[in-house]
């Protein structure tokens, strides 16, 4: 995961660089808007941009707006000390995908960046088909035998994670980390509740069984047997 941090406060930029690196990100730093804009315009493998609003040379809102006007779809998280709702709207309208006011909690920042990374990684991803079940991560649409199935956001994320790992075990910890960013207690039954709801929607009406529970291990979705 590669991120560009555009922050003119050198001390904060250093803290962000160190914290993100510890969290597994490959970090590049820019201290002014123009150099951030030029770097983001070249893209070159970046996954997410973290832009401060009040950058010298070119502010973060202008950077975001110009990138979007040129068709750059890289996920952008805007940081700013400006907490007015109108300012937030301005940043989002300029093309930012998310907005976090200063001072911020580092864990929340990391969770938001992970969410943006996951969202960005789905762009252009092909639908996953297992037999008559089709999961489209871009349209966030699920169908079985041509019938559309309505899932909640969390239910969809869990199902997509499972079908993307078809034939492999998905542990509860993996689900918590990917879907809840690790925020839910592992001892909670929240996963069981969501899986029961998923099964009731994608299996029960069709007389099928898609998800296998491996007690004490996790869950597995098996690909359909190959046709003979």
Protein backbone atom coordinates (compact mmCIF):
# COMPACT_ATOMS: atom_id res chain seq x y z
CA UNK A 1 0.00 0.00 0.00
CA UNK A 2 1.55 3.27 -1.13
CA UNK A 3 0.47 6.68 0.11
CA UNK A 4 1.45 10.28 -0.54
CA UNK A 5 1.28 12.50 2.55
CA UNK A 6 1.04 16.20 1.64
CA UNK A 7 1.55 18.19 4.86
CA UNK A 8 3.44 21.46 5.32
CA UNK A 9 3.85 21.03 9.09
CA UNK A 10 7.18 19.19 9.08
CA UNK A 11 6.74 17.82 12.59
CA UNK A 12 3.26 16.41 11.83
CA UNK A 13 4.48 15.07 8.48
CA UNK A 14 7.27 13.19 10.28
CA UNK A 15 4.80 11.72 12.78
CA UNK A 16 2.46 10.64 9.99
CA UNK A 17 5.30 9.13 7.98
CA UNK A 18 6.54 7.11 10.95
CA UNK A 19 3.07 5.97 12.04
CA UNK A 20 1.97 4.96 8.56
CA UNK A 21 5.21 3.11 7.93
CA UNK A 22 4.70 1.17 11.16
CA UNK A 23 1.19 0.30 9.94
CA UNK A 24 2.62 -1.21 6.76
CA UNK A 25 2.32 1.68 4.30
CA UNK A 26 5.01 2.81 1.90
CA UNK A 27 5.06 6.56 2.47
CA UNK A 28 6.09 9.50 0.30
CA UNK A 29 5.96 13.04 1.70
CA UNK A 30 5.38 16.41 0.02
CA UNK A 31 5.46 19.72 1.90
CA UNK A 32 3.69 21.95 -0.63
CA UNK A 33 0.66 21.69 -2.88
CA UNK A 34 2.37 22.05 -6.22
CA UNK A 35 4.86 19.22 -5.67
CA UNK A 36 2.01 17.06 -4.31
CA UNK A 37 -0.09 17.84 -7.39
CA UNK A 38 2.75 16.98 -9.78
CA UNK A 39 3.48 13.73 -7.95
CA UNK A 40 -0.18 12.70 -7.90
CA UNK A 41 -0.60 13.62 -11.54
CA UNK A 42 2.21 11.20 -12.42
CA UNK A 43 0.52 8.56 -10.18
CA UNK A 44 3.21 5.87 -10.48
CA UNK A 45 1.70 3.23 -8.23
CA UNK A 46 0.20 5.32 -5.43
CA UNK A 47 -2.92 3.91 -3.75
CA UNK A 48 -4.15 6.81 -1.57
CA UNK A 49 -3.41 10.52 -1.07
CA UNK A 50 -3.53 12.28 2.32
CA UNK A 51 -3.84 16.02 1.64
CA UNK A 52 -3.71 18.87 4.12
CA UNK A 53 -6.16 21.63 3.23
CA UNK A 54 -3.81 24.61 3.84
CA UNK A 55 -0.81 23.61 1.73
CA UNK A 56 1.48 26.41 0.48
CA UNK A 57 1.70 27.02 -3.25
CA UNK A 58 -1.57 25.22 -4.02
CA UNK A 59 -4.09 24.33 -1.31
CA UNK A 60 -5.38 20.80 -0.93
CA UNK A 61 -8.84 21.62 -2.26
CA UNK A 62 -7.36 23.01 -5.47
CA UNK A 63 -5.10 19.97 -5.80
CA UNK A 64 -8.10 17.65 -5.45
CA UNK A 65 -10.25 19.64 -7.87
CA UNK A 66 -7.59 19.79 -10.58
CA UNK A 67 -6.85 16.09 -10.29
CA UNK A 68 -10.52 15.21 -10.67
CA UNK A 69 -10.89 17.55 -13.65
CA UNK A 70 -8.09 15.58 -15.33
CA UNK A 71 -9.73 12.25 -14.54
CA UNK A 72 -7.39 11.13 -11.73
CA UNK A 73 -9.48 8.77 -9.58
CA UNK A 74 -6.96 8.13 -6.78
CA UNK A 75 -8.74 8.07 -3.37
CA UNK A 76 -8.12 11.29 -1.41
CA UNK A 77 -8.47 11.92 2.33
CA UNK A 78 -8.46 15.61 3.29
CA UNK A 79 -6.99 16.79 6.59
CA UNK A 80 -7.82 20.24 7.92
CA UNK A 81 -8.17 22.33 11.05
CA UNK A 82 -11.26 23.91 9.48
CA UNK A 83 -14.23 22.19 11.08
CA UNK A 84 -17.13 24.18 9.63
CA UNK A 85 -19.68 22.04 7.77
CA UNK A 86 -19.48 24.34 4.74
CA UNK A 87 -15.72 23.75 4.57
CA UNK A 88 -16.26 20.01 4.67
CA UNK A 89 -18.77 20.26 1.85
CA UNK A 90 -16.30 22.35 -0.18
CA UNK A 91 -13.60 19.71 0.24
CA UNK A 92 -15.90 16.85 -0.72
CA UNK A 93 -17.33 18.76 -3.67
CA UNK A 94 -13.78 19.41 -4.88
CA UNK A 95 -13.23 15.66 -5.16
CA UNK A 96 -12.04 14.45 -1.75
CA UNK A 97 -13.39 11.01 -0.85
CA UNK A 98 -13.23 11.57 2.89
CA UNK A 99 -12.57 14.37 5.36
CA UNK A 100 -10.94 14.33 8.81
CA UNK A 101 -10.68 17.47 10.98
CA UNK A 102 -7.62 18.20 13.12
CA UNK A 103 -6.83 17.23 15.80
CA UNK A 104 -7.56 13.63 14.85
CA UNK A 105 -7.17 10.21 16.41
CA UNK A 106 -4.42 8.23 14.69
CA UNK A 107 -6.36 4.96 14.84
CA UNK A 108 -9.34 6.62 13.15
CA UNK A 109 -7.05 8.02 10.45
CA UNK A 110 -5.59 4.57 9.79
CA UNK A 111 -9.07 3.01 9.65
CA UNK A 112 -10.27 5.63 7.15
CA UNK A 113 -7.19 5.13 4.99
CA UNK A 114 -7.68 1.36 4.97
CA UNK A 115 -11.30 1.87 3.92
CA UNK A 116 -10.24 4.20 1.07
CA UNK A 117 -7.58 1.72 -0.03
CA UNK A 118 -10.12 -1.10 -0.16
CA UNK A 119 -12.57 1.08 -2.06
CA UNK A 120 -9.94 2.14 -4.57
CA UNK A 121 -8.71 -1.39 -5.10
CA UNK A 122 -12.19 -2.43 -6.26
CA UNK A 123 -12.27 -0.02 -9.18
CA UNK A 124 -12.41 -2.08 -12.34
CA UNK A 125 -12.56 -5.37 -10.41
CA UNK A 126 -14.56 -7.98 -12.27
CA UNK A 127 -17.63 -9.63 -10.72
CA UNK A 128 -17.01 -12.89 -8.90
CA UNK A 129 -19.18 -15.80 -10.05
CA UNK A 130 -19.61 -19.03 -8.11
CA UNK A 131 -22.09 -21.20 -9.95
CA UNK A 132 -25.33 -19.23 -10.11
CA UNK A 133 -24.19 -16.68 -7.49
CA UNK A 134 -22.68 -13.44 -8.85
CA UNK A 135 -21.10 -10.77 -6.64
CA UNK A 136 -20.23 -7.49 -8.36
CA UNK A 137 -17.88 -5.40 -6.15
CA UNK A 138 -18.09 -2.26 -8.30
CA UNK A 139 -21.90 -2.09 -8.54
CA UNK A 140 -22.16 -3.71 -5.06
CA UNK A 141 -24.80 -6.01 -6.50
CA UNK A 142 -25.55 -9.66 -5.75
CA UNK A 143 -27.65 -11.94 -7.93
CA UNK A 144 -28.51 -15.63 -7.84
CA UNK A 145 -30.19 -17.33 -10.80
CA UNK A 146 -30.79 -13.88 -12.20
CA UNK A 147 -32.61 -12.67 -9.08
CA UNK A 148 -31.15 -9.62 -7.34
CA UNK A 149 -30.50 -10.02 -3.61
CA UNK A 150 -30.44 -6.95 -1.39
CA UNK A 151 -27.72 -7.02 1.28
CA UNK A 152 -26.69 -4.43 3.83
CA UNK A 153 -23.28 -2.80 3.37
CA UNK A 154 -21.66 -5.06 5.99
CA UNK A 155 -23.36 -8.17 4.66
CA UNK A 156 -22.09 -7.39 1.17
CA UNK A 157 -18.53 -6.80 2.42
CA UNK A 158 -18.51 -10.12 4.29
CA UNK A 159 -19.88 -12.05 1.31
CA UNK A 160 -17.44 -10.41 -1.10
CA UNK A 161 -14.54 -11.29 1.21
CA UNK A 162 -15.67 -14.91 1.37
CA UNK A 163 -16.26 -15.41 -2.36
CA UNK A 164 -12.98 -13.64 -3.17
CA UNK A 165 -11.24 -16.33 -1.10
CA UNK A 166 -13.27 -19.25 -2.49
CA UNK A 167 -11.78 -22.58 -1.50
CA UNK A 168 -9.79 -21.00 1.34
CA UNK A 169 -10.59 -20.46 5.01
CA UNK A 170 -11.52 -16.93 6.07
CA UNK A 171 -10.99 -16.50 9.80
CA UNK A 172 -13.11 -14.35 12.10
CA UNK A 173 -10.09 -12.15 12.64
CA UNK A 174 -9.81 -11.57 8.88
CA UNK A 175 -13.47 -10.54 8.74
CA UNK A 176 -13.08 -8.17 11.68
CA UNK A 177 -9.97 -6.63 10.18
CA UNK A 178 -11.38 -6.22 6.67
CA UNK A 179 -15.00 -5.33 7.41
CA UNK A 180 -14.88 -3.67 10.82
CA UNK A 181 -11.23 -2.50 10.76
CA UNK A 182 -10.70 -4.54 13.93
CA UNK A 183 -13.10 -2.38 15.93
CA UNK A 184 -15.43 -5.19 17.05
CA UNK A 185 -14.64 -7.55 19.93
CA UNK A 186 -13.64 -10.97 18.60
CA UNK A 187 -15.82 -12.55 21.30
CA UNK A 188 -18.91 -10.73 20.03
CA UNK A 189 -21.55 -12.64 18.05
CA UNK A 190 -21.87 -9.81 15.53
CA UNK A 191 -20.26 -11.91 12.76
CA UNK A 192 -22.62 -14.81 13.45
CA UNK A 193 -25.60 -12.47 13.26
CA UNK A 194 -24.48 -11.07 9.90
CA UNK A 195 -23.71 -14.51 8.47
CA UNK A 196 -27.13 -15.78 9.51
CA UNK A 197 -28.69 -12.85 7.67
CA UNK A 198 -26.56 -13.53 4.57
CA UNK A 199 -27.53 -17.20 4.52
CA UNK A 200 -31.19 -16.30 4.90
CA UNK A 201 -30.95 -14.11 1.79
CA UNK A 202 -28.60 -15.94 -0.58
CA UNK A 203 -29.29 -19.58 0.34
CA UNK A 204 -32.65 -20.24 1.99
CA UNK A 205 -34.88 -18.95 -0.85
CA UNK A 206 -32.89 -21.03 -3.36
CA UNK A 207 -32.48 -24.24 -1.37
CA UNK A 208 -28.68 -23.97 -1.42
CA UNK A 209 -25.82 -23.83 1.07
CA UNK A 210 -22.96 -21.53 0.14
CA UNK A 211 -21.00 -20.83 3.34
CA UNK A 212 -19.48 -23.59 5.46
CA UNK A 213 -18.71 -22.88 9.12
CA UNK A 214 -15.50 -24.48 10.40
CA UNK A 215 -15.92 -24.29 14.16
CA UNK A 216 -12.97 -22.72 15.91
CA UNK A 217 -11.36 -21.90 12.56
CA UNK A 218 -13.56 -19.68 10.42
CA UNK A 219 -15.65 -19.91 7.25
CA UNK A 220 -15.22 -21.18 3.71
CA UNK A 221 -17.04 -20.83 0.42
CA UNK A 222 -16.34 -23.71 -1.93
CA UNK A 223 -16.31 -23.18 -5.69
CA UNK A 224 -18.87 -25.32 -7.55
CA UNK A 225 -17.56 -28.67 -8.85
CA UNK A 226 -16.24 -28.59 -12.39
CA UNK A 227 -18.65 -29.83 -15.02
CA UNK A 228 -17.84 -33.27 -16.40
